Amino acid sequence: MAPPEISGRILALDVGKKRIGLAVSDALRITAQGLETFQRTRIRDDLRQLKEMVNQSGIGLLLVGKPLHMSGDESRQSEYTREFADRLSAETGVPVVYWDERLTSMEAERLLKHAGATLEDRKRVVDRMAATLLLESYLGYLQQGGAIG
């Protein structure tokens, strides 16, 4: 059975315990735009603020990076991420797709280094860039005919 057609933008989240990297697609789901990195406070406040963002931005799908070991096995962070994303989905009523995020942070670091970003700059934008790479990967999958979900 095919997943239901979902309208709206896609919000990608690279969930960490201190920060969440964010990126959003355009309405046609062609491009990814990095957003300001979300600084975590308390889970209740985080969920409330992200819910506001979802509602204001017309988000129809949450794309959450699934942290896996290089072997493909789930990590301790995978469980934490899933719990957070499931709560966000329940709060917003927006479905979640989990997407393999292996190497996105390393690729973001590599790209930033190559661009000559200072260590301070890299620390500031690596989460946003990782979320953008995650979303670009998923958008490429959709453009190749992949199904949402």
Protein backbone atom coordinates (compact mmCIF):
# COMPACT_ATOMS: atom_id res chain seq x y z
CA MET A 1 0.00 0.00 0.00
CA ALA A 2 1.42 3.36 -1.04
CA PRO A 3 1.86 6.03 1.64
CA PRO A 4 -0.66 8.88 1.57
CA GLU A 5 0.19 11.90 -0.54
CA ILE A 6 1.54 14.60 1.73
CA SER A 7 1.45 18.27 0.82
CA GLY A 8 3.59 21.07 2.15
CA ARG A 9 7.23 21.62 2.76
CA ILE A 10 9.65 19.19 4.35
CA LEU A 11 11.48 20.14 7.53
CA ALA A 12 14.73 18.23 8.09
CA LEU A 13 16.07 17.89 11.62
CA ASP A 14 19.56 16.79 12.66
CA VAL A 15 18.72 16.15 16.32
CA GLY A 16 21.39 16.51 18.95
CA LYS A 17 21.15 16.90 22.71
CA LYS A 18 22.33 20.54 22.68
CA ARG A 19 21.40 21.70 19.16
CA ILE A 20 19.13 20.74 16.28
CA GLY A 21 20.27 21.45 12.76
CA LEU A 22 17.34 22.52 10.59
CA ALA A 23 16.67 22.77 6.86
CA VAL A 24 13.44 23.28 4.93
CA SER A 25 12.45 22.47 1.38
CA ASP A 26 10.76 24.87 -0.98
CA ALA A 27 7.04 24.27 -1.64
CA LEU A 28 7.85 22.22 -4.76
CA ARG A 29 10.32 20.03 -2.83
CA ILE A 30 13.19 20.78 -5.18
CA THR A 31 15.64 22.75 -3.06
CA ALA A 32 16.84 22.68 0.54
CA GLN A 33 17.55 25.79 2.58
CA GLY A 34 19.43 25.64 5.85
CA LEU A 35 17.84 27.44 8.79
CA GLU A 36 19.36 28.90 11.92
CA THR A 37 20.53 26.12 14.24
CA PHE A 38 18.04 25.53 17.04
CA GLN A 39 19.57 25.78 20.51
CA ARG A 40 17.93 23.25 22.85
CA THR A 41 16.62 24.21 26.28
CA ARG A 42 13.96 21.97 27.86
CA ILE A 43 12.17 19.31 25.84
CA ARG A 44 8.76 20.88 26.45
CA ASP A 45 9.98 24.29 25.26
CA ASP A 46 11.79 22.71 22.30
CA LEU A 47 8.62 20.93 21.18
CA ARG A 48 6.52 24.08 21.57
CA GLN A 49 8.92 26.22 19.53
CA LEU A 50 9.32 23.60 16.82
CA LYS A 51 5.54 23.18 16.64
CA GLU A 52 5.20 26.94 16.03
CA MET A 53 7.79 26.70 13.26
CA VAL A 54 5.99 23.73 11.67
CA ASN A 55 2.66 25.55 11.73
CA GLN A 56 4.03 28.85 10.41
CA SER A 57 6.05 27.26 7.60
CA GLY A 58 3.40 24.93 6.15
CA ILE A 59 5.38 21.78 6.96
CA GLY A 60 3.79 18.54 5.74
CA LEU A 61 6.61 16.12 6.60
CA LEU A 62 9.33 15.91 9.24
CA LEU A 63 12.55 14.34 7.95
CA VAL A 64 14.65 13.25 10.89
CA GLY A 65 18.22 12.07 10.63
CA LYS A 66 18.56 8.53 11.92
CA PRO A 67 21.93 8.16 13.63
CA LEU A 68 23.35 4.75 12.83
CA HIS A 69 26.70 3.11 13.42
CA MET A 70 28.75 2.55 10.27
CA SER A 71 27.63 -1.11 10.47
CA GLY A 72 24.03 0.04 10.04
CA ASP A 73 23.09 -0.86 13.62
CA GLU A 74 21.13 1.64 15.65
CA SER A 75 22.98 3.67 18.24
CA ARG A 76 21.91 4.92 21.66
CA GLN A 77 21.37 8.30 19.99
CA SER A 78 18.97 6.59 17.52
CA GLU A 79 16.59 5.72 20.34
CA TYR A 80 16.78 9.23 21.81
CA THR A 81 16.19 10.77 18.38
CA ARG A 82 13.21 8.50 17.68
CA GLU A 83 11.57 9.35 21.02
CA PHE A 84 12.01 13.08 20.40
CA ALA A 85 10.75 12.90 16.80
CA ASP A 86 7.75 10.76 17.77
CA ARG A 87 6.80 13.34 20.39
CA LEU A 88 7.21 16.17 17.87
CA SER A 89 5.05 14.29 15.37
CA ALA A 90 2.35 13.71 17.99
CA GLU A 91 2.50 17.39 18.99
CA THR A 92 2.24 18.69 15.42
CA GLY A 93 0.19 15.99 13.71
CA VAL A 94 2.88 15.91 11.00
CA PRO A 95 4.28 12.51 9.96
CA VAL A 96 7.96 11.63 10.37
CA VAL A 97 10.32 9.89 7.99
CA TYR A 98 13.65 8.70 9.42
CA TRP A 99 16.57 9.02 7.00
CA ASP A 100 20.06 7.58 7.34
CA GLU A 101 22.33 10.42 8.41
CA ARG A 102 25.62 8.54 8.42
CA LEU A 103 28.40 10.78 7.23
CA THR A 104 26.31 13.97 6.89
CA SER A 105 28.15 15.72 9.74
CA MET A 106 31.53 14.53 8.43
CA GLU A 107 30.61 15.67 4.91
CA ALA A 108 29.47 19.04 6.27
CA GLU A 109 32.78 19.42 8.15
CA ARG A 110 34.72 18.50 5.00
CA LEU A 111 32.82 21.01 2.85
CA LEU A 112 33.27 23.77 5.40
CA LYS A 113 36.99 23.06 5.75
CA HIS A 114 37.37 23.04 1.98
CA ALA A 115 35.59 26.41 1.84
CA GLY A 116 38.12 27.80 4.32
CA ALA A 117 35.73 28.20 7.26
CA THR A 118 37.42 28.74 10.59
CA LEU A 119 36.93 26.22 13.40
CA GLU A 120 34.58 28.68 15.12
CA ASP A 121 32.53 29.10 11.91
CA ARG A 122 32.38 25.34 11.40
CA LYS A 123 31.09 24.75 14.92
CA ARG A 124 28.41 27.39 14.35
CA VAL A 125 27.07 26.04 11.04
CA VAL A 126 27.87 22.31 10.90
CA ASP A 127 24.45 21.26 12.28
CA ARG A 128 22.60 23.40 9.74
CA MET A 129 24.73 22.09 6.91
CA ALA A 130 24.23 18.48 8.06
CA ALA A 131 20.44 19.02 8.03
CA THR A 132 20.69 20.58 4.57
CA LEU A 133 22.70 17.61 3.24
CA LEU A 134 20.17 15.23 4.81
CA LEU A 135 17.29 17.03 3.10
CA GLU A 136 19.10 17.24 -0.24
CA SER A 137 19.66 13.49 -0.09
CA TYR A 138 15.97 12.85 0.56
CA LEU A 139 14.84 15.30 -2.15
CA GLY A 140 17.13 13.48 -4.60
CA TYR A 141 15.50 10.22 -3.59
CA LEU A 142 12.04 11.70 -4.22
CA GLN A 143 13.11 13.10 -7.60
CA GLN A 144 14.31 9.62 -8.57
CA GLY A 145 10.79 8.32 -7.97
CA GLY A 146 11.11 7.26 -4.32
CA ALA A 147 7.97 7.18 -2.25
CA ILE A 148 7.42 9.48 0.72
CA GLY A 149 7.74 7.46 3.89
